[in-house]
Amino acid sequence: GTQAIETILMQFPSNGPATVIVQHMPAGFTKSFAERLNTLCQVEVREAIDGDSVIPGRVLIAPGNFHMLVKRSGARYFVNVKEGPLVNRHRPSVDVLFQSAAETLGPNAVGLMLTGMGNDGAASMVKMKEAGAQNFAQDETSSVVYGMPRAAYEAGAVHHVVGINDIAKRVIAATCS
């Protein structure tokens, strides 16, 4: 998953889409992962802090061992970083993030499921789709492990299955429409 994220984010321009990411990593690793990406990418990449604004040109990565949700106050979107029980054996959980995106962003969201094991995120990605979000999954050929993208596809949550090298431009196009 880390290589897939790097491949996509390195293709984002400095004013790329406001992005929130859950990567199944233990506490301590997400900060260094975000710092490394920040040196490689045109967008600002950082480990999320509770209350951070979700804005174009910024990528927020959920801290290890914390869930991350998208919230709204008026015209401002921000993240809520919080403790909580494991969801699908994970904290952070993609399901927690996607559920909040479905509720808060609705048709203004674009969901993306990348390589990984298990089915975390599949059920809530369906909710995103039902709320009007445009959803993508990484294809089997470019996935190291096709578990999570397959689960999302089989759940009926995905509009488009795309190779890793085409995802960034497809996501950017979807956020501009």
Protein backbone atom coordinates (compact mmCIF):
# COMPACT_ATOMS: atom_id res chain seq x y z
CA GLY A 1 0.00 0.00 0.00
CA THR A 2 2.78 2.46 0.77
CA GLN A 3 4.24 2.20 -2.75
CA ALA A 4 0.79 2.63 -4.30
CA ILE A 5 0.16 5.75 -2.22
CA GLU A 6 3.55 7.16 -3.20
CA THR A 7 2.91 6.48 -6.90
CA ILE A 8 -0.41 8.32 -6.79
CA LEU A 9 0.62 11.28 -4.64
CA MET A 10 3.76 11.95 -6.67
CA GLN A 11 1.47 12.60 -9.65
CA PHE A 12 -0.67 15.18 -7.81
CA PRO A 13 0.06 18.84 -8.62
CA SER A 14 0.67 21.27 -5.75
CA ASN A 15 -3.04 22.16 -5.76
CA GLY A 16 -4.11 18.50 -5.92
CA PRO A 17 -7.36 17.26 -4.42
CA ALA A 18 -7.85 17.50 -0.67
CA THR A 19 -6.96 13.97 0.42
CA VAL A 20 -7.37 11.89 3.57
CA ILE A 21 -5.71 8.49 3.82
CA VAL A 22 -5.95 5.49 6.11
CA GLN A 23 -2.97 3.16 5.78
CA HIS A 24 -2.83 0.14 8.07
CA MET A 25 0.41 0.99 9.89
CA PRO A 26 1.35 0.85 13.57
CA ALA A 27 1.77 3.96 15.68
CA GLY A 28 5.06 5.72 15.01
CA PHE A 29 5.38 4.64 11.39
CA THR A 30 2.73 6.92 9.89
CA LYS A 31 4.56 10.10 10.91
CA SER A 32 7.80 9.09 9.20
CA PHE A 33 5.84 7.79 6.19
CA ALA A 34 4.08 11.16 5.85
CA GLU A 35 7.33 13.10 6.32
CA ARG A 36 9.03 11.03 3.61
CA LEU A 37 6.14 11.57 1.18
CA ASN A 38 6.20 15.27 1.94
CA THR A 39 9.79 15.46 0.64
CA LEU A 40 8.84 13.64 -2.58
CA CYS A 41 5.49 15.21 -3.49
CA GLN A 42 4.29 18.60 -4.68
CA VAL A 43 1.31 18.42 -2.29
CA GLU A 44 1.80 18.89 1.45
CA VAL A 45 1.71 15.48 3.15
CA ARG A 46 1.53 15.12 6.91
CA GLU A 47 0.25 12.91 9.68
CA ALA A 48 -3.17 14.22 10.66
CA ILE A 49 -3.76 16.10 13.88
CA ASP A 50 -7.27 16.41 15.28
CA GLY A 51 -8.90 19.49 13.76
CA ASP A 52 -6.67 19.73 10.66
CA SER A 53 -8.48 21.33 7.72
CA VAL A 54 -9.13 19.22 4.63
CA ILE A 55 -8.08 21.53 1.79
CA PRO A 56 -6.72 21.28 -1.76
CA GLY A 57 -2.98 20.71 -1.86
CA ARG A 58 -2.96 18.86 1.47
CA VAL A 59 -2.84 15.13 2.19
CA LEU A 60 -3.60 13.94 5.72
CA ILE A 61 -2.60 10.44 6.81
CA ALA A 62 -4.35 8.89 9.81
CA PRO A 63 -1.93 8.36 12.70
CA GLY A 64 -1.25 4.73 13.58
CA ASN A 65 -3.57 3.43 16.29
CA PHE A 66 -6.12 6.24 15.77
CA HIS A 67 -9.26 6.41 13.66
CA MET A 68 -9.75 9.41 11.39
CA LEU A 69 -13.10 10.86 10.33
CA VAL A 70 -14.07 13.75 8.06
CA LYS A 71 -16.31 16.36 9.69
CA ARG A 72 -17.84 19.64 8.58
CA SER A 73 -18.51 22.98 10.23
CA GLY A 74 -20.19 25.40 7.83
CA ALA A 75 -18.02 25.50 4.71
CA ARG A 76 -14.98 24.06 6.52
CA TYR A 77 -14.07 20.39 6.30
CA PHE A 78 -11.70 18.98 8.91
CA VAL A 79 -10.59 15.69 10.42
CA ASN A 80 -11.43 14.22 13.77
CA VAL A 81 -8.62 11.95 15.01
CA LYS A 82 -9.74 9.75 17.85
CA GLU A 83 -9.21 6.56 19.76
CA GLY A 84 -11.81 3.87 19.58
CA PRO A 85 -12.28 0.13 19.30
CA LEU A 86 -10.74 -1.85 16.48
CA VAL A 87 -12.98 -2.00 13.40
CA ASN A 88 -12.42 -5.01 11.14
CA ARG A 89 -9.36 -5.72 13.31
CA HIS A 90 -7.87 -2.31 12.46
CA ARG A 91 -7.23 1.09 14.01
CA PRO A 92 -7.13 3.17 11.92
CA SER A 93 -9.90 1.61 9.89
CA VAL A 94 -10.82 2.52 6.33
CA ASP A 95 -14.45 1.72 7.21
CA VAL A 96 -14.47 4.48 9.84
CA LEU A 97 -13.08 7.03 7.37
CA PHE A 98 -15.33 6.00 4.47
CA GLN A 99 -18.46 5.97 6.67
CA SER A 100 -17.72 9.55 7.72
CA ALA A 101 -17.07 10.52 4.09
CA ALA A 102 -20.42 9.06 3.05
CA GLU A 103 -22.21 11.03 5.78
CA THR A 104 -20.25 14.29 5.51
CA LEU A 105 -19.16 14.58 1.88
CA GLY A 106 -21.73 12.56 -0.05
CA PRO A 107 -21.41 13.29 -3.78
CA ASN A 108 -18.40 15.54 -3.14
CA ALA A 109 -16.26 12.52 -2.21
CA VAL A 110 -14.05 10.31 -4.33
CA GLY A 111 -13.23 6.94 -2.78
CA LEU A 112 -10.14 4.94 -3.60
CA MET A 113 -9.32 1.39 -2.50
CA LEU A 114 -5.72 0.31 -2.96
CA THR A 115 -3.81 -2.95 -2.63
CA GLY A 116 -4.09 -4.68 0.74
CA MET A 117 -5.36 -7.75 2.59
CA GLY A 118 -8.84 -8.15 3.97
CA ASN A 119 -12.11 -6.35 3.42
CA ASP A 120 -11.76 -3.22 5.56
CA GLY A 121 -13.56 -0.38 3.78
CA ALA A 122 -15.74 -2.44 1.43
CA ALA A 123 -19.02 -2.01 3.33
CA SER A 124 -18.58 1.71 3.91
CA MET A 125 -17.44 2.25 0.32
CA VAL A 126 -20.87 0.94 -0.68
CA LYS A 127 -22.35 3.66 1.53
CA MET A 128 -20.15 6.24 -0.19
CA LYS A 129 -21.43 5.07 -3.57
CA GLU A 130 -25.04 5.23 -2.35
CA ALA A 131 -24.36 8.80 -1.14
CA GLY A 132 -23.17 9.78 -4.64
CA ALA A 133 -19.40 9.43 -4.34
CA GLN A 134 -17.32 8.32 -7.31
CA ASN A 135 -15.32 5.22 -6.30
CA PHE A 136 -12.19 3.63 -7.75
CA ALA A 137 -10.29 0.44 -6.97
CA GLN A 138 -6.78 -0.53 -7.95
CA ASP A 139 -6.76 -3.33 -10.51
CA GLU A 140 -5.50 -6.83 -9.78
CA THR A 141 -2.54 -6.59 -12.16
CA SER A 142 -0.97 -3.62 -10.38
CA SER A 143 -1.93 -4.70 -6.83
CA VAL A 144 0.58 -6.50 -4.64
CA VAL A 145 -2.39 -8.00 -2.76
CA TYR A 146 -5.78 -7.74 -4.46
CA GLY A 147 -7.81 -8.43 -1.28
CA MET A 148 -9.23 -5.02 -0.36
CA PRO A 149 -9.85 -3.82 -3.93
CA ARG A 150 -11.49 -7.16 -4.76
CA ALA A 151 -13.71 -6.99 -1.67
CA ALA A 152 -14.85 -3.48 -2.61
CA TYR A 153 -15.50 -4.52 -6.21
CA GLU A 154 -17.41 -7.65 -5.20
CA ALA A 155 -19.50 -5.61 -2.75
CA GLY A 156 -20.64 -3.40 -5.65
CA ALA A 157 -18.90 -0.32 -4.23
CA VAL A 158 -16.66 0.47 -7.19
CA HIS A 159 -17.42 2.46 -10.34
CA HIS A 160 -14.00 2.02 -11.97
CA VAL A 161 -11.16 -0.52 -11.63
CA VAL A 162 -7.95 1.23 -12.66
CA GLY A 163 -4.22 0.48 -12.92
CA ILE A 164 -1.98 2.23 -10.42
CA ASN A 165 -0.37 4.49 -13.03
CA ASP A 166 -3.75 5.88 -14.16
CA ILE A 167 -5.38 6.41 -10.76
CA ALA A 168 -4.06 9.93 -10.05
CA LYS A 169 -5.32 11.43 -13.29
CA ARG A 170 -8.69 9.67 -12.90
CA VAL A 171 -9.07 10.95 -9.32
CA ILE A 172 -8.07 14.47 -10.33
CA ALA A 173 -10.58 14.39 -13.21
CA ALA A 174 -13.32 13.14 -10.87
CA THR A 175 -12.65 15.92 -8.34
CA CYS A 176 -12.86 18.56 -11.07
CA SER A 177 -16.22 17.40 -12.43
